[in-house]
C-alpha atoms as a PDB file:
ATOM      1  CA  UNK A   1      95.891 159.424 176.640  1.00  0.00           C
ATOM      2  CA  UNK A   2      94.916 163.246 177.114  1.00  0.00           C
ATOM      3  CA  UNK A   3      91.957 161.832 179.417  1.00  0.00           C
ATOM      4  CA  UNK A   4      94.396 159.333 181.134  1.00  0.00           C
ATOM      5  CA  UNK A   5      97.050 162.479 182.119  1.00  0.00           C
ATOM      6  CA  UNK A   6      94.250 164.492 183.643  1.00  0.00           C
ATOM      7  CA  UNK A   7      94.072 161.829 186.405  1.00  0.00           C
ATOM      8  CA  UNK A   8      96.341 160.994 188.994  1.00  0.00           C
ATOM      9  CA  UNK A   9      97.307 157.188 190.425  1.00  0.00           C
ATOM     10  CA  UNK A  10      98.750 155.731 193.382  1.00  0.00           C
ATOM     11  CA  UNK A  11      99.495 151.831 193.964  1.00  0.00           C
ATOM     12  CA  UNK A  12      99.460 150.890 197.420  1.00  0.00           C
ATOM     13  CA  UNK A  13     100.250 147.573 199.205  1.00  0.00           C
ATOM     14  CA  UNK A  14     102.483 146.850 196.193  1.00  0.00           C
ATOM     15  CA  UNK A  15     103.311 142.786 196.951  1.00  0.00           C
ATOM     16  CA  UNK A  16     105.131 140.641 194.271  1.00  0.00           C
ATOM     17  CA  UNK A  17     103.440 136.753 194.162  1.00  0.00           C
ATOM     18  CA  UNK A  18     105.965 134.704 192.751  1.00  0.00           C
ATOM     19  CA  UNK A  19     103.844 131.658 192.760  1.00  0.00           C
ATOM     20  CA  UNK A  20     100.897 133.236 190.538  1.00  0.00           C
ATOM     21  CA  UNK A  21     103.508 135.402 188.545  1.00  0.00           C
ATOM     22  CA  UNK A  22     101.902 138.391 189.368  1.00  0.00           C
ATOM     23  CA  UNK A  23     102.281 141.554 191.341  1.00  0.00           C
ATOM     24  CA  UNK A  24      99.144 142.809 193.262  1.00  0.00           C
ATOM     25  CA  UNK A  25      98.337 146.099 194.664  1.00  0.00           C
ATOM     26  CA  UNK A  26      95.717 148.446 195.320  1.00  0.00           C
ATOM     27  CA  UNK A  27      95.249 151.725 193.464  1.00  0.00           C
ATOM     28  CA  UNK A  28      93.862 154.946 194.744  1.00  0.00           C
ATOM     29  CA  UNK A  29      92.638 157.161 191.462  1.00  0.00           C
ATOM     30  CA  UNK A  30      91.897 161.068 192.096  1.00  0.00           C
ATOM     31  CA  UNK A  31      90.063 162.547 188.926  1.00  0.00           C
ATOM     32  CA  UNK A  32      88.715 166.409 190.005  1.00  0.00           C
ATOM     33  CA  UNK A  33      87.618 166.784 186.366  1.00  0.00           C
ATOM     34  CA  UNK A  34      86.057 163.659 185.274  1.00  0.00           C
ATOM     35  CA  UNK A  35      83.148 161.646 186.824  1.00  0.00           C
ATOM     36  CA  UNK A  36      84.288 158.534 186.799  1.00  0.00           C
ATOM     37  CA  UNK A  37      87.465 156.952 185.115  1.00  0.00           C
ATOM     38  CA  UNK A  38      87.125 153.770 182.518  1.00  0.00           C
ATOM     39  CA  UNK A  39      89.455 150.619 183.216  1.00  0.00           C
ATOM     40  CA  UNK A  40      91.120 150.632 179.845  1.00  0.00           C
ATOM     41  CA  UNK A  41      92.230 154.375 181.333  1.00  0.00           C
ATOM     42  CA  UNK A  42      93.710 153.019 184.006  1.00  0.00           C
ATOM     43  CA  UNK A  43      95.202 149.930 182.451  1.00  0.00           C
ATOM     44  CA  UNK A  44      96.757 152.473 179.823  1.00  0.00           C
ATOM     45  CA  UNK A  45      98.359 154.423 183.391  1.00  0.00           C
ATOM     46  CA  UNK A  46      99.787 151.217 184.946  1.00  0.00           C
ATOM     47  CA  UNK A  47     101.255 150.424 181.618  1.00  0.00           C
ATOM     48  CA  UNK A  48     103.100 153.271 181.554  1.00  0.00           C
ATOM     49  CA  UNK A  49     103.900 153.068 185.149  1.00  0.00           C
ATOM     50  CA  UNK A  50     105.198 149.649 185.155  1.00  0.00           C
ATOM     51  CA  UNK A  51     106.607 149.770 181.615  1.00  0.00           C
ATOM     52  CA  UNK A  52     103.920 146.767 180.465  1.00  0.00           C
ATOM     53  CA  UNK A  53     101.718 146.015 178.253  1.00  0.00           C
ATOM     54  CA  UNK A  54      97.992 146.196 178.790  1.00  0.00           C
ATOM     55  CA  UNK A  55      96.814 142.470 178.230  1.00  0.00           C
ATOM     56  CA  UNK A  56      99.029 141.546 181.320  1.00  0.00           C
ATOM     57  CA  UNK A  57      97.283 144.286 183.286  1.00  0.00           C
ATOM     58  CA  UNK A  58      93.893 143.253 185.341  1.00  0.00           C
ATOM     59  CA  UNK A  59      91.351 145.799 186.860  1.00  0.00           C
ATOM     60  CA  UNK A  60      88.617 144.854 189.137  1.00  0.00           C
ATOM     61  CA  UNK A  61      86.584 145.605 192.439  1.00  0.00           C
ATOM     62  CA  UNK A  62      86.747 149.477 191.428  1.00  0.00           C
ATOM     63  CA  UNK A  63      84.911 151.429 194.211  1.00  0.00           C
ATOM     64  CA  UNK A  64      83.729 155.048 193.296  1.00  0.00           C
ATOM     65  CA  UNK A  65      83.951 157.370 196.282  1.00  0.00           C
ATOM     66  CA  UNK A  66      80.397 159.647 196.393  1.00  0.00           C
ATOM     67  CA  UNK A  67      80.998 163.335 196.069  1.00  0.00           C
ATOM     68  CA  UNK A  68      82.792 162.213 193.194  1.00  0.00           C
ATOM     69  CA  UNK A  69      86.991 162.466 192.492  1.00  0.00           C
ATOM     70  CA  UNK A  70      88.075 159.584 193.932  1.00  0.00           C
ATOM     71  CA  UNK A  71      88.351 155.926 193.214  1.00  0.00           C
ATOM     72  CA  UNK A  72      89.657 153.098 194.722  1.00  0.00           C
ATOM     73  CA  UNK A  73      90.008 149.153 193.317  1.00  0.00           C
ATOM     74  CA  UNK A  74      92.716 146.400 192.840  1.00  0.00           C
ATOM     75  CA  UNK A  75      95.184 145.756 190.046  1.00  0.00           C
ATOM     76  CA  UNK A  76      97.115 142.863 189.197  1.00  0.00           C
ATOM     77  CA  UNK A  77      99.950 142.914 186.838  1.00  0.00           C
ATOM     78  CA  UNK A  78     100.646 139.499 185.505  1.00  0.00           C
ATOM     79  CA  UNK A  79     104.492 138.848 184.380  1.00  0.00           C
ATOM     80  CA  UNK A  80     103.183 137.277 181.024  1.00  0.00           C
ATOM     81  CA  UNK A  81      99.757 136.952 178.788  1.00  0.00           C
ATOM     82  CA  UNK A  82     100.497 133.272 179.289  1.00  0.00           C
ATOM     83  CA  UNK A  83     100.801 133.688 183.245  1.00  0.00           C
ATOM     84  CA  UNK A  84      97.501 135.881 183.277  1.00  0.00           C
ATOM     85  CA  UNK A  85      96.015 132.942 181.300  1.00  0.00           C
ATOM     86  CA  UNK A  86      97.010 130.203 183.532  1.00  0.00           C
ATOM     87  CA  UNK A  87      96.204 132.106 186.772  1.00  0.00           C
ATOM     88  CA  UNK A  88      93.567 134.974 186.441  1.00  0.00           C
ATOM     89  CA  UNK A  89      90.079 134.438 187.070  1.00  0.00           C
ATOM     90  CA  UNK A  90      88.174 133.261 183.921  1.00  0.00           C
ATOM     91  CA  UNK A  91      85.377 136.003 184.235  1.00  0.00           C
ATOM     92  CA  UNK A  92      88.403 139.031 184.219  1.00  0.00           C
ATOM     93  CA  UNK A  93      89.973 136.829 180.816  1.00  0.00           C
ATOM     94  CA  UNK A  94      86.434 136.819 179.148  1.00  0.00           C
ATOM     95  CA  UNK A  95      85.571 140.949 180.176  1.00  0.00           C
ATOM     96  CA  UNK A  96      89.539 141.737 178.146  1.00  0.00           C
ATOM     97  CA  UNK A  97      88.421 138.987 175.305  1.00  0.00           C
ATOM     98  CA  UNK A  98      91.756 136.652 176.303  1.00  0.00           C
ATOM     99  CA  UNK A  99      89.517 133.702 176.358  1.00  0.00           C
ATOM    100  CA  UNK A 100      87.003 132.889 173.794  1.00  0.00           C
ATOM    101  CA  UNK A 101      83.432 133.653 175.020  1.00  0.00           C
ATOM    102  CA  UNK A 102      81.167 130.254 175.037  1.00  0.00           C
ATOM    103  CA  UNK A 103      77.127 130.500 173.089  1.00  0.00           C
ATOM    104  CA  UNK A 104      75.233 129.225 175.562  1.00  0.00           C
ATOM    105  CA  UNK A 105      71.542 127.937 174.664  1.00  0.00           C
ATOM    106  CA  UNK A 106      68.790 129.759 176.208  1.00  0.00           C
ATOM    107  CA  UNK A 107      67.099 128.194 178.945  1.00  0.00           C
ATOM    108  CA  UNK A 108      63.880 127.802 177.393  1.00  0.00           C
ATOM    109  CA  UNK A 109      65.388 126.000 174.707  1.00  0.00           C
ATOM    110  CA  UNK A 110      67.497 123.953 176.748  1.00  0.00           C
ATOM    111  CA  UNK A 111      64.171 122.857 178.682  1.00  0.00           C
ATOM    112  CA  UNK A 112      62.807 122.115 175.571  1.00  0.00           C
ATOM    113  CA  UNK A 113      65.791 120.104 174.473  1.00  0.00           C
ATOM    114  CA  UNK A 114      65.805 118.189 177.834  1.00  0.00           C
ATOM    115  CA  UNK A 115      62.194 116.790 176.954  1.00  0.00           C
ATOM    116  CA  UNK A 116      62.556 116.369 173.757  1.00  0.00           C
ATOM    117  CA  UNK A 117      65.781 113.943 174.492  1.00  0.00           C
ATOM    118  CA  UNK A 118      63.752 112.144 177.589  1.00  0.00           C
ATOM    119  CA  UNK A 119      61.528 110.616 174.939  1.00  0.00           C
ATOM    120  CA  UNK A 120      63.906 108.799 173.108  1.00  0.00           C
ATOM    121  CA  UNK A 121      66.796 106.194 173.558  1.00  0.00           C
ATOM    122  CA  UNK A 122      70.054 105.400 172.678  1.00  0.00           C
ATOM    123  CA  UNK A 123      71.962 106.978 169.957  1.00  0.00           C
ATOM    124  CA  UNK A 124      68.760 109.091 168.718  1.00  0.00           C
ATOM    125  CA  UNK A 125      69.253 111.544 172.543  1.00  0.00           C
ATOM    126  CA  UNK A 126      72.909 112.737 170.927  1.00  0.00           C
ATOM    127  CA  UNK A 127      71.051 113.426 167.658  1.00  0.00           C
ATOM    128  CA  UNK A 128      68.044 115.513 169.619  1.00  0.00           C
ATOM    129  CA  UNK A 129      70.778 117.078 171.853  1.00  0.00           C
ATOM    130  CA  UNK A 130      72.675 118.232 168.801  1.00  0.00           C
ATOM    131  CA  UNK A 131      69.940 120.153 167.074  1.00  0.00           C
ATOM    132  CA  UNK A 132      68.958 121.080 163.914  1.00  0.00           C
ATOM    133  CA  UNK A 133      72.108 120.230 161.171  1.00  0.00           C
ATOM    134  CA  UNK A 134      72.041 123.204 158.501  1.00  0.00           C
END
């Protein structure tokens, strides 16, 4: 918390959006001692300002000004974690570990599975696409 106390955070254009259950705002950060500020530090600072937990805060679009010392971005503060899960962008939820990250098949492996599936018919396609069972 000592690092987050060295930054000054201003909110501008604060709008309450009742349809999406959130407060939307632009944020300005002054950080003369540091090169840049992490999103977790920004969330902690916003959480203490608005008296909410950090899980309901989404910070994105950070731009660090040339010459250092100033940054700007956007923040969304949802009314609850459930409201955030229902309304927030899936990429932001994945980044903050609120949604399970899916394991994707590699590009080459996916093409090989597709080629194998072309060679068989019927229920065998499902067996080929499922991969090897351990």
